[in-house]
Amino acid sequence: ISQLAGEQETDADRVPPLNGRVQVVYEPNERWQGVFRASFADRQDELSPRDVSDPRINPEGTAGWLVLGTEFTWYRNDWRFTLGADNILDASYRVHGSGVDARGRNLFGSVEYRW
């Protein structure tokens, strides 16, 4: 969890909102693993004059957001199989100051062999 705070006569440039990531890993045995994660950011509407004129930042501020993800892994000898999903709720969001909308719901999978 990250928070930046301070006092000035005007708001500072590109100050990120309260944001963070929480992750829980569950391993019932040596062959299975489950990961559950949440990333979030609070609304940021305390903008400097420079932020208001920056095309990457909405002049009214950046909305808060919550993104959930999960993945499950199965280990079999030297093989590792993973399936997962990110942004499960299909949230439409933008990291403050990035100028880029984040991707929507997505699924992924991987197969690894180690020798």
PDB file of N, CA and C in Angstrom:
ATOM      1  N   ILE A   1       0.867  -1.168   0.000  1.00  0.00           N
ATOM      2  CA  ILE A   1       0.000   0.000   0.000  1.00  0.00           C
ATOM      3  C   ILE A   1       0.908   1.223   0.000  1.00  0.00           C
ATOM      4  N   SER A   2       0.556   2.193  -0.826  1.00  0.00           N
ATOM      5  CA  SER A   2       1.382   3.381  -0.980  1.00  0.00           C
ATOM      6  C   SER A   2       0.526   4.634  -0.879  1.00  0.00           C
ATOM      7  N   GLN A   3       1.010   5.619  -0.136  1.00  0.00           N
ATOM      8  CA  GLN A   3       0.305   6.894   0.018  1.00  0.00           C
ATOM      9  C   GLN A   3       1.355   7.988   0.077  1.00  0.00           C
ATOM     10  N   LEU A   4       1.142   9.049  -0.678  1.00  0.00           N
ATOM     11  CA  LEU A   4       2.033  10.199  -0.671  1.00  0.00           C
ATOM     12  C   LEU A   4       1.240  11.393  -0.175  1.00  0.00           C
ATOM     13  N   ALA A   5       1.762  12.102   0.812  1.00  0.00           N
ATOM     14  CA  ALA A   5       1.042  13.251   1.366  1.00  0.00           C
ATOM     15  C   ALA A   5       2.029  14.360   1.684  1.00  0.00           C
ATOM     16  N   GLY A   6       1.547  15.580   1.636  1.00  0.00           N
ATOM     17  CA  GLY A   6       2.381  16.727   1.958  1.00  0.00           C
ATOM     18  C   GLY A   6       1.540  17.987   1.878  1.00  0.00           C
ATOM     19  N   GLU A   7       2.136  19.103   2.255  1.00  0.00           N
ATOM     20  CA  GLU A   7       1.408  20.366   2.211  1.00  0.00           C
ATOM     21  C   GLU A   7       2.220  21.400   1.456  1.00  0.00           C
ATOM     22  N   GLN A   8       1.553  22.101   0.535  1.00  0.00           N
ATOM     23  CA  GLN A   8       2.125  23.204  -0.225  1.00  0.00           C
ATOM     24  C   GLN A   8       1.007  24.197  -0.483  1.00  0.00           C
ATOM     25  N   GLU A   9       1.353  25.309  -1.094  1.00  0.00           N
ATOM     26  CA  GLU A   9       0.309  26.271  -1.456  1.00  0.00           C
ATOM     27  C   GLU A   9      -0.520  25.770  -2.633  1.00  0.00           C
ATOM     28  N   THR A  10       0.100  25.002  -3.541  1.00  0.00           N
ATOM     29  CA  THR A  10      -0.627  24.406  -4.668  1.00  0.00           C
ATOM     30  C   THR A  10      -0.336  22.912  -4.679  1.00  0.00           C
ATOM     31  N   ASP A  11      -1.190  22.152  -5.353  1.00  0.00           N
ATOM     32  CA  ASP A  11      -0.980  20.705  -5.451  1.00  0.00           C
ATOM     33  C   ASP A  11       0.252  20.416  -6.303  1.00  0.00           C
ATOM     34  N   ALA A  12       1.015  19.393  -5.932  1.00  0.00           N
ATOM     35  CA  ALA A  12       2.210  18.998  -6.675  1.00  0.00           C
ATOM     36  C   ALA A  12       1.817  18.255  -7.954  1.00  0.00           C
ATOM     37  N   ASP A  13       2.748  18.168  -8.896  1.00  0.00           N
ATOM     38  CA  ASP A  13       2.516  17.481 -10.165  1.00  0.00           C
ATOM     39  C   ASP A  13       2.490  15.968  -9.985  1.00  0.00           C
ATOM     40  N   ARG A  14       1.551  15.335 -10.656  1.00  0.00           N
ATOM     41  CA  ARG A  14       1.455  13.880 -10.790  1.00  0.00           C
ATOM     42  C   ARG A  14       1.571  13.114  -9.468  1.00  0.00           C
ATOM     43  N   VAL A  15       0.935  13.600  -8.444  1.00  0.00           N
ATOM     44  CA  VAL A  15       0.934  12.904  -7.155  1.00  0.00           C
ATOM     45  C   VAL A  15      -0.006  11.707  -7.269  1.00  0.00           C
ATOM     46  N   PRO A  16       0.506  10.492  -7.049  1.00  0.00           N
ATOM     47  CA  PRO A  16      -0.361   9.326  -7.163  1.00  0.00           C
ATOM     48  C   PRO A  16      -1.345   9.254  -6.000  1.00  0.00           C
ATOM     49  N   PRO A  17      -2.503   8.662  -6.234  1.00  0.00           N
ATOM     50  CA  PRO A  17      -3.457   8.471  -5.140  1.00  0.00           C
ATOM     51  C   PRO A  17      -3.018   7.306  -4.254  1.00  0.00           C
ATOM     52  N   LEU A  18      -3.710   7.128  -3.135  1.00  0.00           N
ATOM     53  CA  LEU A  18      -3.515   5.935  -2.321  1.00  0.00           C
ATOM     54  C   LEU A  18      -3.713   4.739  -3.238  1.00  0.00           C
ATOM     55  N   ASN A  19      -2.770   3.809  -3.244  1.00  0.00           N
ATOM     56  CA  ASN A  19      -2.886   2.637  -4.116  1.00  0.00           C
ATOM     57  C   ASN A  19      -2.144   1.475  -3.486  1.00  0.00           C
ATOM     58  N   GLY A  20      -2.428   0.283  -3.969  1.00  0.00           N
ATOM     59  CA  GLY A  20      -1.747  -0.872  -3.416  1.00  0.00           C
ATOM     60  C   GLY A  20      -2.133  -2.162  -4.095  1.00  0.00           C
ATOM     61  N   ARG A  21      -1.535  -3.220  -3.586  1.00  0.00           N
ATOM     62  CA  ARG A  21      -1.778  -4.561  -4.114  1.00  0.00           C
ATOM     63  C   ARG A  21      -1.728  -5.534  -2.941  1.00  0.00           C
ATOM     64  N   VAL A  22      -2.688  -6.435  -2.912  1.00  0.00           N
ATOM     65  CA  VAL A  22      -2.746  -7.473  -1.887  1.00  0.00           C
ATOM     66  C   VAL A  22      -2.796  -8.807  -2.613  1.00  0.00           C
ATOM     67  N   GLN A  23      -2.011  -9.763  -2.126  1.00  0.00           N
ATOM     68  CA  GLN A  23      -1.974 -11.069  -2.780  1.00  0.00           C
ATOM     69  C   GLN A  23      -1.963 -12.164  -1.724  1.00  0.00           C
ATOM     70  N   VAL A  24      -2.739 -13.204  -1.962  1.00  0.00           N
ATOM     71  CA  VAL A  24      -2.781 -14.370  -1.081  1.00  0.00           C
ATOM     72  C   VAL A  24      -2.409 -15.586  -1.912  1.00  0.00           C
ATOM     73  N   VAL A  25      -1.463 -16.370  -1.414  1.00  0.00           N
ATOM     74  CA  VAL A  25      -1.037 -17.593  -2.099  1.00  0.00           C
ATOM     75  C   VAL A  25      -1.468 -18.774  -1.239  1.00  0.00           C
ATOM     76  N   TYR A  26      -2.160 -19.723  -1.864  1.00  0.00           N
ATOM     77  CA  TYR A  26      -2.638 -20.918  -1.168  1.00  0.00           C
ATOM     78  C   TYR A  26      -1.967 -22.133  -1.796  1.00  0.00           C
ATOM     79  N   GLU A  27      -1.262 -22.924  -0.982  1.00  0.00           N
ATOM     80  CA  GLU A  27      -0.586 -24.125  -1.458  1.00  0.00           C
ATOM     81  C   GLU A  27      -1.017 -25.310  -0.596  1.00  0.00           C
ATOM     82  N   PRO A  28      -2.085 -26.009  -1.001  1.00  0.00           N
ATOM     83  CA  PRO A  28      -2.567 -27.123  -0.184  1.00  0.00           C
ATOM     84  C   PRO A  28      -1.597 -28.300  -0.144  1.00  0.00           C
ATOM     85  N   ASN A  29      -0.770 -28.423  -1.173  1.00  0.00           N
ATOM     86  CA  ASN A  29       0.273 -29.447  -1.213  1.00  0.00           C
ATOM     87  C   ASN A  29       1.326 -29.014  -2.224  1.00  0.00           C
ATOM     88  N   GLU A  30       2.329 -29.851  -2.439  1.00  0.00           N
ATOM     89  CA  GLU A  30       3.432 -29.444  -3.320  1.00  0.00           C
ATOM     90  C   GLU A  30       3.069 -29.474  -4.801  1.00  0.00           C
ATOM     91  N   ARG A  31       1.890 -29.953  -5.154  1.00  0.00           N
ATOM     92  CA  ARG A  31       1.507 -30.042  -6.572  1.00  0.00           C
ATOM     93  C   ARG A  31       0.543 -28.951  -7.015  1.00  0.00           C
ATOM     94  N   TRP A  32      -0.103 -28.269  -6.081  1.00  0.00           N
ATOM     95  CA  TRP A  32      -1.111 -27.260  -6.433  1.00  0.00           C
ATOM     96  C   TRP A  32      -0.790 -25.924  -5.777  1.00  0.00           C
ATOM     97  N   GLN A  33      -1.110 -24.861  -6.506  1.00  0.00           N
ATOM     98  CA  GLN A  33      -0.951 -23.512  -5.954  1.00  0.00           C
ATOM     99  C   GLN A  33      -2.058 -22.624  -6.515  1.00  0.00           C
ATOM    100  N   GLY A  34      -2.667 -21.848  -5.646  1.00  0.00           N
ATOM    101  CA  GLY A  34      -3.662 -20.860  -6.065  1.00  0.00           C
ATOM    102  C   GLY A  34      -3.219 -19.480  -5.613  1.00  0.00           C
ATOM    103  N   VAL A  35      -3.385 -18.495  -6.474  1.00  0.00           N
ATOM    104  CA  VAL A  35      -3.013 -17.117  -6.154  1.00  0.00           C
ATOM    105  C   VAL A  35      -4.238 -16.244  -6.375  1.00  0.00           C
ATOM    106  N   PHE A  36      -4.565 -15.430  -5.398  1.00  0.00           N
ATOM    107  CA  PHE A  36      -5.671 -14.479  -5.489  1.00  0.00           C
ATOM    108  C   PHE A  36      -5.094 -13.102  -5.209  1.00  0.00           C
ATOM    109  N   ARG A  37      -5.398 -12.127  -6.073  1.00  0.00           N
ATOM    110  CA  ARG A  37      -4.808 -10.800  -5.891  1.00  0.00           C
ATOM    111  C   ARG A  37      -5.817  -9.701  -6.170  1.00  0.00           C
ATOM    112  N   ALA A  38      -5.584  -8.580  -5.537  1.00  0.00           N
ATOM    113  CA  ALA A  38      -6.399  -7.378  -5.747  1.00  0.00           C
ATOM    114  C   ALA A  38      -5.452  -6.188  -5.831  1.00  0.00           C
ATOM    115  N   SER A  39      -5.639  -5.365  -6.853  1.00  0.00           N
ATOM    116  CA  SER A  39      -4.906  -4.104  -6.998  1.00  0.00           C
ATOM    117  C   SER A  39      -5.939  -2.993  -6.965  1.00  0.00           C
ATOM    118  N   PHE A  40      -5.562  -1.847  -6.398  1.00  0.00           N
ATOM    119  CA  PHE A  40      -6.545  -0.770  -6.275  1.00  0.00           C
ATOM    120  C   PHE A  40      -5.861   0.585  -6.270  1.00  0.00           C
ATOM    121  N   ALA A  41      -6.642   1.596  -6.567  1.00  0.00           N
ATOM    122  CA  ALA A  41      -6.199   2.988  -6.423  1.00  0.00           C
ATOM    123  C   ALA A  41      -7.412   3.826  -6.071  1.00  0.00           C
ATOM    124  N   ASP A  42      -7.214   4.795  -5.203  1.00  0.00           N
ATOM    125  CA  ASP A  42      -8.268   5.732  -4.822  1.00  0.00           C
ATOM    126  C   ASP A  42      -8.376   6.816  -5.894  1.00  0.00           C
ATOM    127  N   ARG A  43      -9.438   7.563  -5.857  1.00  0.00           N
ATOM    128  CA  ARG A  43      -9.621   8.695  -6.775  1.00  0.00           C
ATOM    129  C   ARG A  43      -8.534   9.739  -6.506  1.00  0.00           C
ATOM    130  N   GLN A  44      -8.065  10.394  -7.561  1.00  0.00           N
ATOM    131  CA  GLN A  44      -7.115  11.495  -7.396  1.00  0.00           C
ATOM    132  C   GLN A  44      -7.661  12.726  -8.110  1.00  0.00           C
ATOM    133  N   ASP A  45      -8.146  13.679  -7.340  1.00  0.00           N
ATOM    134  CA  ASP A  45      -8.686  14.906  -7.937  1.00  0.00           C
ATOM    135  C   ASP A  45      -7.990  16.155  -7.397  1.00  0.00           C
ATOM    136  N   GLU A  46      -6.902  15.957  -6.679  1.00  0.00           N
ATOM    137  CA  GLU A  46      -6.092  17.085  -6.219  1.00  0.00           C
ATOM    138  C   GLU A  46      -4.980  17.282  -7.245  1.00  0.00           C
ATOM    139  N   LEU A  47      -5.275  18.074  -8.270  1.00  0.00           N
ATOM    140  CA  LEU A  47      -4.385  18.228  -9.417  1.00  0.00           C
ATOM    141  C   LEU A  47      -3.704  19.590  -9.429  1.00  0.00           C
ATOM    142  N   SER A  48      -2.472  19.599  -9.855  1.00  0.00           N
ATOM    143  CA  SER A  48      -1.744  20.855 -10.030  1.00  0.00           C
ATOM    144  C   SER A  48      -2.213  21.514 -11.332  1.00  0.00           C
ATOM    145  N   PRO A  49      -1.942  22.790 -11.523  1.00  0.00           N
ATOM    146  CA  PRO A  49      -2.282  23.429 -12.803  1.00  0.00           C
ATOM    147  C   PRO A  49      -1.638  22.705 -13.990  1.00  0.00           C
ATOM    148  N   ARG A  50      -0.432  22.195 -13.793  1.00  0.00           N
ATOM    149  CA  ARG A  50       0.237  21.441 -14.867  1.00  0.00           C
ATOM    150  C   ARG A  50      -0.507  20.135 -15.164  1.00  0.00           C
ATOM    151  N   ASP A  51      -0.991  19.441 -14.121  1.00  0.00           N
ATOM    152  CA  ASP A  51      -1.765  18.210 -14.325  1.00  0.00           C
ATOM    153  C   ASP A  51      -3.047  18.489 -15.098  1.00  0.00           C
ATOM    154  N   VAL A  52      -3.723  19.578 -14.771  1.00  0.00           N
ATOM    155  CA  VAL A  52      -4.992  19.913 -15.431  1.00  0.00           C
ATOM    156  C   VAL A  52      -4.777  20.113 -16.930  1.00  0.00           C
ATOM    157  N   SER A  53      -3.628  20.642 -17.326  1.00  0.00           N
ATOM    158  CA  SER A  53      -3.363  20.869 -18.748  1.00  0.00           C
ATOM    159  C   SER A  53      -2.683  19.677 -19.427  1.00  0.00           C
ATOM    160  N   ASP A  54      -2.346  18.631 -18.670  1.00  0.00           N
ATOM    161  CA  ASP A  54      -1.690  17.441 -19.222  1.00  0.00           C
ATOM    162  C   ASP A  54      -2.737  16.563 -19.905  1.00  0.00           C
ATOM    163  N   PRO A  55      -2.590  16.258 -21.207  1.00  0.00           N
ATOM    164  CA  PRO A  55      -3.600  15.454 -21.907  1.00  0.00           C
ATOM    165  C   PRO A  55      -3.711  14.018 -21.389  1.00  0.00           C
ATOM    166  N   ARG A  56      -2.741  13.559 -20.628  1.00  0.00           N
ATOM    167  CA  ARG A  56      -2.799  12.198 -20.082  1.00  0.00           C
ATOM    168  C   ARG A  56      -3.675  12.099 -18.844  1.00  0.00           C
ATOM    169  N   ILE A  57      -4.049  13.239 -18.269  1.00  0.00           N
ATOM    170  CA  ILE A  57      -4.831  13.261 -17.027  1.00  0.00           C
ATOM    171  C   ILE A  57      -6.141  13.990 -17.280  1.00  0.00           C
ATOM    172  N   ASN A  58      -7.246  13.364 -16.912  1.00  0.00           N
ATOM    173  CA  ASN A  58      -8.557  14.006 -17.012  1.00  0.00           C
ATOM    174  C   ASN A  58      -8.530  15.250 -16.121  1.00  0.00           C
ATOM    175  N   PRO A  59      -8.908  16.426 -16.646  1.00  0.00           N
ATOM    176  CA  PRO A  59      -8.857  17.641 -15.824  1.00  0.00           C
ATOM    177  C   PRO A  59      -9.754  17.589 -14.587  1.00  0.00           C
ATOM    178  N   GLU A  60     -10.689  16.642 -14.545  1.00  0.00           N
ATOM    179  CA  GLU A  60     -11.541  16.466 -13.365  1.00  0.00           C
ATOM    180  C   GLU A  60     -10.959  15.451 -12.390  1.00  0.00           C
ATOM    181  N   GLY A  61      -9.845  14.824 -12.763  1.00  0.00           N
ATOM    182  CA  GLY A  61      -9.201  13.841 -11.895  1.00  0.00           C
ATOM    183  C   GLY A  61      -9.302  12.434 -12.451  1.00  0.00           C
ATOM    184  N   THR A  62      -8.618  11.528 -11.789  1.00  0.00           N
ATOM    185  CA  THR A  62      -8.604  10.123 -12.184  1.00  0.00           C
ATOM    186  C   THR A  62      -9.497   9.343 -11.224  1.00  0.00           C
ATOM    187  N   ALA A  63     -10.381   8.533 -11.778  1.00  0.00           N
ATOM    188  CA  ALA A  63     -11.301   7.735 -10.960  1.00  0.00           C
ATOM    189  C   ALA A  63     -10.551   6.636 -10.205  1.00  0.00           C
ATOM    190  N   GLY A  64     -11.076   6.246  -9.069  1.00  0.00           N
ATOM    191  CA  GLY A  64     -10.534   5.114  -8.332  1.00  0.00           C
ATOM    192  C   GLY A  64     -10.930   3.811  -9.012  1.00  0.00           C
ATOM    193  N   TRP A  65     -10.237   2.737  -8.687  1.00  0.00           N
ATOM    194  CA  TRP A  65     -10.525   1.449  -9.321  1.00  0.00           C
ATOM    195  C   TRP A  65     -10.080   0.280  -8.433  1.00  0.00           C
ATOM    196  N   LEU A  66     -10.638  -0.890  -8.738  1.00  0.00           N
ATOM    197  CA  LEU A  66     -10.299  -2.147  -8.073  1.00  0.00           C
ATOM    198  C   LEU A  66     -10.217  -3.217  -9.152  1.00  0.00           C
ATOM    199  N   VAL A  67      -9.126  -3.960  -9.174  1.00  0.00           N
ATOM    200  CA  VAL A  67      -8.928  -5.019 -10.163  1.00  0.00           C
ATOM    201  C   VAL A  67      -8.611  -6.312  -9.419  1.00  0.00           C
ATOM    202  N   LEU A  68      -9.335  -7.377  -9.757  1.00  0.00           N
ATOM    203  CA  LEU A  68      -9.136  -8.684  -9.132  1.00  0.00           C
ATOM    204  C   LEU A  68      -8.556  -9.662 -10.140  1.00  0.00           C
ATOM    205  N   GLY A  69      -7.697 -10.555  -9.662  1.00  0.00           N
ATOM    206  CA  GLY A  69      -7.117 -11.572 -10.523  1.00  0.00           C
ATOM    207  C   GLY A  69      -6.860 -12.842  -9.745  1.00  0.00           C
ATOM    208  N   THR A  70      -6.691 -13.928 -10.493  1.00  0.00           N
ATOM    209  CA  THR A  70      -6.410 -15.212  -9.871  1.00  0.00           C
ATOM    210  C   THR A  70      -5.639 -16.087 -10.844  1.00  0.00           C
ATOM    211  N   GLU A  71      -4.913 -17.041 -10.306  1.00  0.00           N
ATOM    212  CA  GLU A  71      -4.273 -18.047 -11.158  1.00  0.00           C
ATOM    213  C   GLU A  71      -4.090 -19.326 -10.357  1.00  0.00           C
ATOM    214  N   PHE A  72      -4.115 -20.425 -11.084  1.00  0.00           N
ATOM    215  CA  PHE A  72      -3.962 -21.739 -10.476  1.00  0.00           C
ATOM    216  C   PHE A  72      -2.859 -22.478 -11.214  1.00  0.00           C
ATOM    217  N   THR A  73      -1.984 -23.125 -10.446  1.00  0.00           N
ATOM    218  CA  THR A  73      -0.853 -23.839 -11.035  1.00  0.00           C
ATOM    219  C   THR A  73      -0.839 -25.268 -10.524  1.00  0.00           C
ATOM    220  N   TRP A  74      -0.555 -26.185 -11.454  1.00  0.00           N
ATOM    221  CA  TRP A  74      -0.415 -27.605 -11.141  1.00  0.00           C
ATOM    222  C   TRP A  74       0.984 -28.025 -11.551  1.00  0.00           C
ATOM    223  N   TYR A  75       1.709 -28.629 -10.625  1.00  0.00           N
ATOM    224  CA  TYR A  75       3.066 -29.108 -10.882  1.00  0.00           C
ATOM    225  C   TYR A  75       3.026 -30.619 -11.078  1.00  0.00           C
ATOM    226  N   ARG A  76       3.639 -31.093 -12.150  1.00  0.00           N
ATOM    227  CA  ARG A  76       3.681 -32.531 -12.442  1.00  0.00           C
ATOM    228  C   ARG A  76       5.090 -32.867 -12.914  1.00  0.00           C
ATOM    229  N   ASN A  77       5.876 -33.514 -12.048  1.00  0.00           N
ATOM    230  CA  ASN A  77       7.277 -33.819 -12.338  1.00  0.00           C
ATOM    231  C   ASN A  77       8.006 -32.541 -12.745  1.00  0.00           C
ATOM    232  N   ASP A  78       8.553 -32.474 -13.955  1.00  0.00           N
ATOM    233  CA  ASP A  78       9.277 -31.279 -14.406  1.00  0.00           C
ATOM    234  C   ASP A  78       8.373 -30.306 -15.155  1.00  0.00           C
ATOM    235  N   TRP A  79       7.078 -30.550 -15.150  1.00  0.00           N
ATOM    236  CA  TRP A  79       6.119 -29.707 -15.870  1.00  0.00           C
ATOM    237  C   TRP A  79       5.382 -28.786 -14.908  1.00  0.00           C
ATOM    238  N   ARG A  80       4.985 -27.639 -15.431  1.00  0.00           N
ATOM    239  CA  ARG A  80       4.178 -26.685 -14.663  1.00  0.00           C
ATOM    240  C   ARG A  80       3.094 -26.139 -15.592  1.00  0.00           C
ATOM    241  N   PHE A  81       1.827 -26.283 -15.197  1.00  0.00           N
ATOM    242  CA  PHE A  81       0.678 -25.831 -15.985  1.00  0.00           C
ATOM    243  C   PHE A  81      -0.037 -24.728 -15.207  1.00  0.00           C
ATOM    244  N   THR A  82      -0.254 -23.591 -15.832  1.00  0.00           N
ATOM    245  CA  THR A  82      -0.883 -22.452 -15.164  1.00  0.00           C
ATOM    246  C   THR A  82      -2.045 -21.926 -15.995  1.00  0.00           C
ATOM    247  N   LEU A  83      -3.162 -21.650 -15.330  1.00  0.00           N
ATOM    248  CA  LEU A  83      -4.316 -20.973 -15.932  1.00  0.00           C
ATOM    249  C   LEU A  83      -4.704 -19.831 -15.005  1.00  0.00           C
ATOM    250  N   GLY A  84      -5.111 -18.710 -15.594  1.00  0.00           N
ATOM    251  CA  GLY A  84      -5.485 -17.586 -14.749  1.00  0.00           C
ATOM    252  C   GLY A  84      -6.335 -16.564 -15.459  1.00  0.00           C
ATOM    253  N   ALA A  85      -6.769 -15.583 -14.705  1.00  0.00           N
ATOM    254  CA  ALA A  85      -7.578 -14.481 -15.234  1.00  0.00           C
ATOM    255  C   ALA A  85      -7.184 -13.205 -14.505  1.00  0.00           C
ATOM    256  N   ASP A  86      -7.094 -12.125 -15.261  1.00  0.00           N
ATOM    257  CA  ASP A  86      -6.837 -10.806 -14.688  1.00  0.00           C
ATOM    258  C   ASP A  86      -8.001  -9.888 -15.008  1.00  0.00           C
ATOM    259  N   ASN A  87      -8.208  -8.899 -14.158  1.00  0.00           N
ATOM    260  CA  ASN A  87      -9.310  -7.944 -14.293  1.00  0.00           C
ATOM    261  C   ASN A  87     -10.637  -8.698 -14.464  1.00  0.00           C
ATOM    262  N   ILE A  88     -10.888  -9.595 -13.550  1.00  0.00           N
ATOM    263  CA  ILE A  88     -12.059 -10.475 -13.606  1.00  0.00           C
ATOM    264  C   ILE A  88     -13.369  -9.695 -13.719  1.00  0.00           C
ATOM    265  N   LEU A  89     -13.460  -8.545 -13.064  1.00  0.00           N
ATOM    266  CA  LEU A  89     -14.692  -7.745 -13.097  1.00  0.00           C
ATOM    267  C   LEU A  89     -14.776  -6.851 -14.336  1.00  0.00           C
ATOM    268  N   ASP A  90     -13.776  -6.931 -15.219  1.00  0.00           N
ATOM    269  CA  ASP A  90     -13.721  -6.144 -16.457  1.00  0.00           C
ATOM    270  C   ASP A  90     -13.824  -4.648 -16.173  1.00  0.00           C
ATOM    271  N   ALA A  91     -13.082  -4.192 -15.167  1.00  0.00           N
ATOM    272  CA  ALA A  91     -13.085  -2.773 -14.789  1.00  0.00           C
ATOM    273  C   ALA A  91     -12.427  -1.936 -15.883  1.00  0.00           C
ATOM    274  N   SER A  92     -13.008  -0.800 -16.164  1.00  0.00           N
ATOM    275  CA  SER A  92     -12.420   0.166 -17.088  1.00  0.00           C
ATOM    276  C   SER A  92     -11.688   1.189 -16.229  1.00  0.00           C
ATOM    277  N   TYR A  93     -10.362   1.256 -16.364  1.00  0.00           N
ATOM    278  CA  TYR A  93      -9.605   2.142 -15.481  1.00  0.00           C
ATOM    279  C   TYR A  93      -8.316   2.609 -16.143  1.00  0.00           C
ATOM    280  N   ARG A  94      -7.725   3.601 -15.522  1.00  0.00           N
ATOM    281  CA  ARG A  94      -6.455   4.162 -15.979  1.00  0.00           C
ATOM    282  C   ARG A  94      -5.605   4.459 -14.749  1.00  0.00           C
ATOM    283  N   VAL A  95      -4.353   4.032 -14.788  1.00  0.00           N
ATOM    284  CA  VAL A  95      -3.416   4.377 -13.721  1.00  0.00           C
ATOM    285  C   VAL A  95      -3.150   5.874 -13.825  1.00  0.00           C
ATOM    286  N   HIS A  96      -3.240   6.584 -12.716  1.00  0.00           N
ATOM    287  CA  HIS A  96      -3.118   8.041 -12.700  1.00  0.00           C
ATOM    288  C   HIS A  96      -1.836   8.507 -13.391  1.00  0.00           C
ATOM    289  N   GLY A  97      -1.991   9.390 -14.369  1.00  0.00           N
ATOM    290  CA  GLY A  97      -0.858   9.973 -15.079  1.00  0.00           C
ATOM    291  C   GLY A  97      -0.295   9.134 -16.199  1.00  0.00           C
ATOM    292  N   SER A  98      -0.833   7.927 -16.416  1.00  0.00           N
ATOM    293  CA  SER A  98      -0.260   7.057 -17.443  1.00  0.00           C
ATOM    294  C   SER A  98      -0.693   7.446 -18.853  1.00  0.00           C
ATOM    295  N   GLY A  99      -1.908   7.978 -18.987  1.00  0.00           N
ATOM    296  CA  GLY A  99      -2.413   8.321 -20.306  1.00  0.00           C
ATOM    297  C   GLY A  99      -2.902   7.132 -21.105  1.00  0.00           C
ATOM    298  N   VAL A 100      -2.909   5.947 -20.508  1.00  0.00           N
ATOM    299  CA  VAL A 100      -3.291   4.734 -21.231  1.00  0.00           C
ATOM    300  C   VAL A 100      -4.350   3.990 -20.427  1.00  0.00           C
ATOM    301  N   ASP A 101      -5.454   3.632 -21.090  1.00  0.00           N
ATOM    302  CA  ASP A 101      -6.457   2.804 -20.429  1.00  0.00           C
ATOM    303  C   ASP A 101      -5.902   1.393 -20.267  1.00  0.00           C
ATOM    304  N   ALA A 102      -6.164   0.778 -19.133  1.00  0.00           N
ATOM    305  CA  ALA A 102      -5.691  -0.581 -18.874  1.00  0.00           C
ATOM    306  C   ALA A 102      -6.525  -1.574 -19.679  1.00  0.00           C
ATOM    307  N   ARG A 103      -5.967  -2.753 -19.883  1.00  0.00           N
ATOM    308  CA  ARG A 103      -6.696  -3.774 -20.637  1.00  0.00           C
ATOM    309  C   ARG A 103      -7.858  -4.302 -19.808  1.00  0.00           C
ATOM    310  N   GLY A 104      -8.839  -4.829 -20.496  1.00  0.00           N
ATOM    311  CA  GLY A 104     -10.018  -5.380 -19.838  1.00  0.00           C
ATOM    312  C   GLY A 104      -9.756  -6.790 -19.336  1.00  0.00           C
ATOM    313  N   ARG A 105     -10.840  -7.510 -19.105  1.00  0.00           N
ATOM    314  CA  ARG A 105     -10.737  -8.889 -18.625  1.00  0.00           C
ATOM    315  C   ARG A 105      -9.877  -9.693 -19.599  1.00  0.00           C
ATOM    316  N   ASN A 106      -9.003 -10.508 -19.064  1.00  0.00           N
ATOM    317  CA  ASN A 106      -8.186 -11.355 -19.928  1.00  0.00           C
ATOM    318  C   ASN A 106      -7.865 -12.663 -19.231  1.00  0.00           C
ATOM    319  N   LEU A 107      -7.746 -13.683 -20.041  1.00  0.00           N
ATOM    320  CA  LEU A 107      -7.421 -15.024 -19.575  1.00  0.00           C
ATOM    321  C   LEU A 107      -6.037 -15.382 -20.081  1.00  0.00           C
ATOM    322  N   PHE A 108      -5.331 -16.193 -19.326  1.00  0.00           N
ATOM    323  CA  PHE A 108      -4.008 -16.604 -19.779  1.00  0.00           C
ATOM    324  C   PHE A 108      -3.721 -18.024 -19.323  1.00  0.00           C
ATOM    325  N   GLY A 109      -2.787 -18.633 -19.991  1.00  0.00           N
ATOM    326  CA  GLY A 109      -2.340 -19.966 -19.643  1.00  0.00           C
ATOM    327  C   GLY A 109      -0.894 -20.138 -20.057  1.00  0.00           C
ATOM    328  N   SER A 110      -0.216 -21.052 -19.399  1.00  0.00           N
ATOM    329  CA  SER A 110       1.168 -21.335 -19.768  1.00  0.00           C
ATOM    330  C   SER A 110       1.507 -22.778 -19.419  1.00  0.00           C
ATOM    331  N   VAL A 111       2.470 -23.296 -20.158  1.00  0.00           N
ATOM    332  CA  VAL A 111       3.018 -24.622 -19.901  1.00  0.00           C
ATOM    333  C   VAL A 111       4.531 -24.457 -19.865  1.00  0.00           C
ATOM    334  N   GLU A 112       5.144 -24.973 -18.811  1.00  0.00           N
ATOM    335  CA  GLU A 112       6.601 -24.882 -18.664  1.00  0.00           C
ATOM    336  C   GLU A 112       7.172 -26.266 -18.448  1.00  0.00           C
ATOM    337  N   TYR A 113       8.330 -26.479 -19.029  1.00  0.00           N
ATOM    338  CA  TYR A 113       9.084 -27.699 -18.763  1.00  0.00           C
ATOM    339  C   TYR A 113      10.466 -27.292 -18.284  1.00  0.00           C
ATOM    340  N   ARG A 114      10.895 -27.834 -17.175  1.00  0.00           N
ATOM    341  CA  ARG A 114      12.217 -27.505 -16.619  1.00  0.00           C
ATOM    342  C   ARG A 114      13.108 -28.736 -16.674  1.00  0.00           C
ATOM    343  N   TRP A 115      14.319 -28.529 -17.146  1.00  0.00           N
ATOM    344  CA  TRP A 115      15.268 -29.634 -17.183  1.00  0.00           C
ATOM    345  C   TRP A 115      16.572 -29.226 -16.572  1.00  0.00           C
TER     346      TRP A 115
END
